[in-house]
Amino acid sequence: MPSVLQRRSYGSVKVFWLDREKLLSLIREGAERLMKEREEVEEIYLFGSVAEGRAVPGSDADLMIILQKSEKRFLDRPLDYLPYFEDLRVPIDIFCYTEEEATRVPLARKIREKGLLLSKRK
């Protein structure tokens, strides 16, 4: 699979940049697969530098996943969803909130307001 990190050489100078469109396409594919296969997932958002067009080589992708409910600890939840985004070839941070948590946690509310909605269950 081609990398989302692009490189061009100009003599002794090497220039690197992140192919945002390719990265967004891979993130959307992972989000679609996740929504199809995991019924507990209600919404998926992209936020941070990739969503805002400020990503550079070394940037990570930040995702928020809203769940119907979860009995798992907050820090353990992302482990179930990382495999859906393993093709990104960039670091990824996933924050998983239950629907109830997302209504009271300021960060989740802000992401819902300003983040890029990738998928939402109907």
C-alpha atoms as a PDB file:
ATOM      1  CA  MET A   1       0.000   0.000   0.000  1.00  0.00           C
ATOM      2  CA  PRO A   2       1.399   3.433  -0.911  1.00  0.00           C
ATOM      3  CA  SER A   3       2.417   5.597   2.004  1.00  0.00           C
ATOM      4  CA  VAL A   4       0.555   8.724   3.062  1.00  0.00           C
ATOM      5  CA  LEU A   5       3.992  10.257   3.614  1.00  0.00           C
ATOM      6  CA  GLN A   6       5.217  11.627   0.286  1.00  0.00           C
ATOM      7  CA  ARG A   7       8.841  12.382  -0.559  1.00  0.00           C
ATOM      8  CA  ARG A   8      10.612  14.213  -3.351  1.00  0.00           C
ATOM      9  CA  SER A   9      14.319  14.840  -3.814  1.00  0.00           C
ATOM     10  CA  TYR A  10      15.830  17.952  -5.346  1.00  0.00           C
ATOM     11  CA  GLY A  11      19.534  17.190  -5.521  1.00  0.00           C
ATOM     12  CA  SER A  12      20.700  16.902  -1.935  1.00  0.00           C
ATOM     13  CA  VAL A  13      17.445  18.330  -0.560  1.00  0.00           C
ATOM     14  CA  LYS A  14      14.679  15.934   0.451  1.00  0.00           C
ATOM     15  CA  VAL A  15      11.163  17.267   0.956  1.00  0.00           C
ATOM     16  CA  PHE A  16       8.521  15.293   2.895  1.00  0.00           C
ATOM     17  CA  TRP A  17       4.818  16.018   3.165  1.00  0.00           C
ATOM     18  CA  LEU A  18       1.664  14.268   4.257  1.00  0.00           C
ATOM     19  CA  ASP A  19      -0.834  13.340   1.550  1.00  0.00           C
ATOM     20  CA  ARG A  20      -3.944  14.519   3.428  1.00  0.00           C
ATOM     21  CA  GLU A  21      -6.432  13.270   0.823  1.00  0.00           C
ATOM     22  CA  LYS A  22      -4.975   9.755   0.849  1.00  0.00           C
ATOM     23  CA  LEU A  23      -4.940   9.755   4.654  1.00  0.00           C
ATOM     24  CA  LEU A  24      -8.557  10.971   4.832  1.00  0.00           C
ATOM     25  CA  SER A  25      -9.588   8.261   2.377  1.00  0.00           C
ATOM     26  CA  LEU A  26      -7.974   5.544   4.531  1.00  0.00           C
ATOM     27  CA  ILE A  27      -9.548   6.960   7.691  1.00  0.00           C
ATOM     28  CA  ARG A  28     -12.993   7.030   6.043  1.00  0.00           C
ATOM     29  CA  GLU A  29     -12.589   3.417   4.876  1.00  0.00           C
ATOM     30  CA  GLY A  30     -11.724   2.326   8.418  1.00  0.00           C
ATOM     31  CA  ALA A  31     -14.669   4.283   9.838  1.00  0.00           C
ATOM     32  CA  GLU A  32     -17.092   2.695   7.353  1.00  0.00           C
ATOM     33  CA  ARG A  33     -15.844  -0.812   8.192  1.00  0.00           C
ATOM     34  CA  LEU A  34     -16.092  -0.059  11.902  1.00  0.00           C
ATOM     35  CA  MET A  35     -19.697   1.143  11.605  1.00  0.00           C
ATOM     36  CA  LYS A  36     -20.685  -1.954   9.621  1.00  0.00           C
ATOM     37  CA  GLU A  37     -19.052  -4.448  11.968  1.00  0.00           C
ATOM     38  CA  ARG A  38     -19.548  -2.956  15.430  1.00  0.00           C
ATOM     39  CA  GLU A  39     -23.152  -2.250  16.435  1.00  0.00           C
ATOM     40  CA  GLU A  40     -22.182  -0.419  19.627  1.00  0.00           C
ATOM     41  CA  VAL A  41     -20.554   2.394  17.611  1.00  0.00           C
ATOM     42  CA  GLU A  42     -22.874   5.371  17.114  1.00  0.00           C
ATOM     43  CA  GLU A  43     -20.638   8.147  15.736  1.00  0.00           C
ATOM     44  CA  ILE A  44     -17.044   8.613  14.567  1.00  0.00           C
ATOM     45  CA  TYR A  45     -15.290  11.991  14.401  1.00  0.00           C
ATOM     46  CA  LEU A  46     -11.889  13.106  13.169  1.00  0.00           C
ATOM     47  CA  PHE A  47     -10.404  16.101  14.958  1.00  0.00           C
ATOM     48  CA  GLY A  48      -7.073  17.831  15.394  1.00  0.00           C
ATOM     49  CA  SER A  49      -4.420  18.661  12.817  1.00  0.00           C
ATOM     50  CA  VAL A  50      -5.497  16.147  10.148  1.00  0.00           C
ATOM     51  CA  ALA A  51      -9.127  17.299  10.280  1.00  0.00           C
ATOM     52  CA  GLU A  52      -8.078  20.954  10.216  1.00  0.00           C
ATOM     53  CA  GLY A  53      -5.577  20.593   7.365  1.00  0.00           C
ATOM     54  CA  ARG A  54      -2.555  21.408   9.552  1.00  0.00           C
ATOM     55  CA  ALA A  55      -0.991  17.929   9.606  1.00  0.00           C
ATOM     56  CA  VAL A  56       2.701  17.514   8.829  1.00  0.00           C
ATOM     57  CA  PRO A  57       4.939  14.428   8.691  1.00  0.00           C
ATOM     58  CA  GLY A  58       4.927  13.041  12.227  1.00  0.00           C
ATOM     59  CA  SER A  59       1.394  14.245  12.998  1.00  0.00           C
ATOM     60  CA  ASP A  60      -1.060  11.757  14.405  1.00  0.00           C
ATOM     61  CA  ALA A  61      -4.697  11.167  13.509  1.00  0.00           C
ATOM     62  CA  ASP A  62      -7.150  11.893  16.337  1.00  0.00           C
ATOM     63  CA  LEU A  63     -10.466  10.042  16.378  1.00  0.00           C
ATOM     64  CA  MET A  64     -13.405  10.150  18.748  1.00  0.00           C
ATOM     65  CA  ILE A  65     -15.786   7.200  18.767  1.00  0.00           C
ATOM     66  CA  ILE A  66     -19.169   7.507  20.479  1.00  0.00           C
ATOM     67  CA  LEU A  67     -20.505   4.209  21.842  1.00  0.00           C
ATOM     68  CA  GLN A  68     -24.031   3.279  22.909  1.00  0.00           C
ATOM     69  CA  LYS A  69     -22.538   1.983  26.146  1.00  0.00           C
ATOM     70  CA  SER A  70     -19.434   0.240  27.430  1.00  0.00           C
ATOM     71  CA  GLU A  71     -18.503  -1.666  30.544  1.00  0.00           C
ATOM     72  CA  LYS A  72     -14.788  -1.273  29.799  1.00  0.00           C
ATOM     73  CA  ARG A  73     -12.534   1.294  31.402  1.00  0.00           C
ATOM     74  CA  PHE A  74     -12.059   4.452  29.335  1.00  0.00           C
ATOM     75  CA  LEU A  75      -8.379   3.675  28.645  1.00  0.00           C
ATOM     76  CA  ASP A  76      -9.115   0.097  27.529  1.00  0.00           C
ATOM     77  CA  ARG A  77     -11.844   0.943  25.000  1.00  0.00           C
ATOM     78  CA  PRO A  78      -9.656   2.055  22.057  1.00  0.00           C
ATOM     79  CA  LEU A  79      -7.931  -1.335  21.858  1.00  0.00           C
ATOM     80  CA  ASP A  80     -11.066  -2.823  20.264  1.00  0.00           C
ATOM     81  CA  TYR A  81     -11.040  -0.261  17.453  1.00  0.00           C
ATOM     82  CA  LEU A  82      -7.350   0.230  16.598  1.00  0.00           C
ATOM     83  CA  PRO A  83      -7.296  -2.677  14.092  1.00  0.00           C
ATOM     84  CA  TYR A  84      -9.765  -0.811  11.867  1.00  0.00           C
ATOM     85  CA  PHE A  85      -7.182   1.921  11.323  1.00  0.00           C
ATOM     86  CA  GLU A  86      -3.931  -0.067  11.175  1.00  0.00           C
ATOM     87  CA  ASP A  87      -3.452   0.741   7.456  1.00  0.00           C
ATOM     88  CA  LEU A  88      -3.024   4.461   8.153  1.00  0.00           C
ATOM     89  CA  ARG A  89       0.733   4.239   8.664  1.00  0.00           C
ATOM     90  CA  VAL A  90       0.595   7.269  10.937  1.00  0.00           C
ATOM     91  CA  PRO A  91       0.210   7.302  14.719  1.00  0.00           C
ATOM     92  CA  ILE A  92      -3.406   7.335  15.855  1.00  0.00           C
ATOM     93  CA  ASP A  93      -5.126   8.377  19.070  1.00  0.00           C
ATOM     94  CA  ILE A  94      -8.639   7.096  19.671  1.00  0.00           C
ATOM     95  CA  PHE A  95     -10.916   8.470  22.382  1.00  0.00           C
ATOM     96  CA  CYS A  96     -14.015   6.382  23.079  1.00  0.00           C
ATOM     97  CA  TYR A  97     -16.902   7.896  25.007  1.00  0.00           C
ATOM     98  CA  THR A  98     -20.295   6.453  25.754  1.00  0.00           C
ATOM     99  CA  GLU A  99     -23.250   8.538  24.628  1.00  0.00           C
ATOM    100  CA  GLU A 100     -23.848   9.575  28.244  1.00  0.00           C
ATOM    101  CA  GLU A 101     -20.196  10.585  28.755  1.00  0.00           C
ATOM    102  CA  ALA A 102     -20.135  12.546  25.484  1.00  0.00           C
ATOM    103  CA  THR A 103     -22.924  14.813  26.724  1.00  0.00           C
ATOM    104  CA  ARG A 104     -21.045  15.827  29.882  1.00  0.00           C
ATOM    105  CA  VAL A 105     -17.329  15.741  28.940  1.00  0.00           C
ATOM    106  CA  PRO A 106     -16.276  19.160  27.571  1.00  0.00           C
ATOM    107  CA  LEU A 107     -13.722  17.722  25.110  1.00  0.00           C
ATOM    108  CA  ALA A 108     -16.302  15.362  23.596  1.00  0.00           C
ATOM    109  CA  ARG A 109     -18.842  18.175  23.277  1.00  0.00           C
ATOM    110  CA  LYS A 110     -16.263  20.375  21.546  1.00  0.00           C
ATOM    111  CA  ILE A 111     -15.288  17.601  19.110  1.00  0.00           C
ATOM    112  CA  ARG A 112     -18.946  16.992  18.266  1.00  0.00           C
ATOM    113  CA  GLU A 113     -19.324  20.697  17.567  1.00  0.00           C
ATOM    114  CA  LYS A 114     -16.110  21.345  15.603  1.00  0.00           C
ATOM    115  CA  GLY A 115     -14.770  17.954  14.495  1.00  0.00           C
ATOM    116  CA  LEU A 116     -15.233  16.282  11.130  1.00  0.00           C
ATOM    117  CA  LEU A 117     -18.095  13.762  11.353  1.00  0.00           C
ATOM    118  CA  LEU A 118     -16.983  10.634   9.500  1.00  0.00           C
ATOM    119  CA  SER A 119     -19.973   8.416  10.192  1.00  0.00           C
ATOM    120  CA  LYS A 120     -23.172   8.374  12.210  1.00  0.00           C
ATOM    121  CA  ARG A 121     -25.590   5.523  12.750  1.00  0.00           C
ATOM    122  CA  LYS A 122     -29.082   6.320  11.481  1.00  0.00           C
END
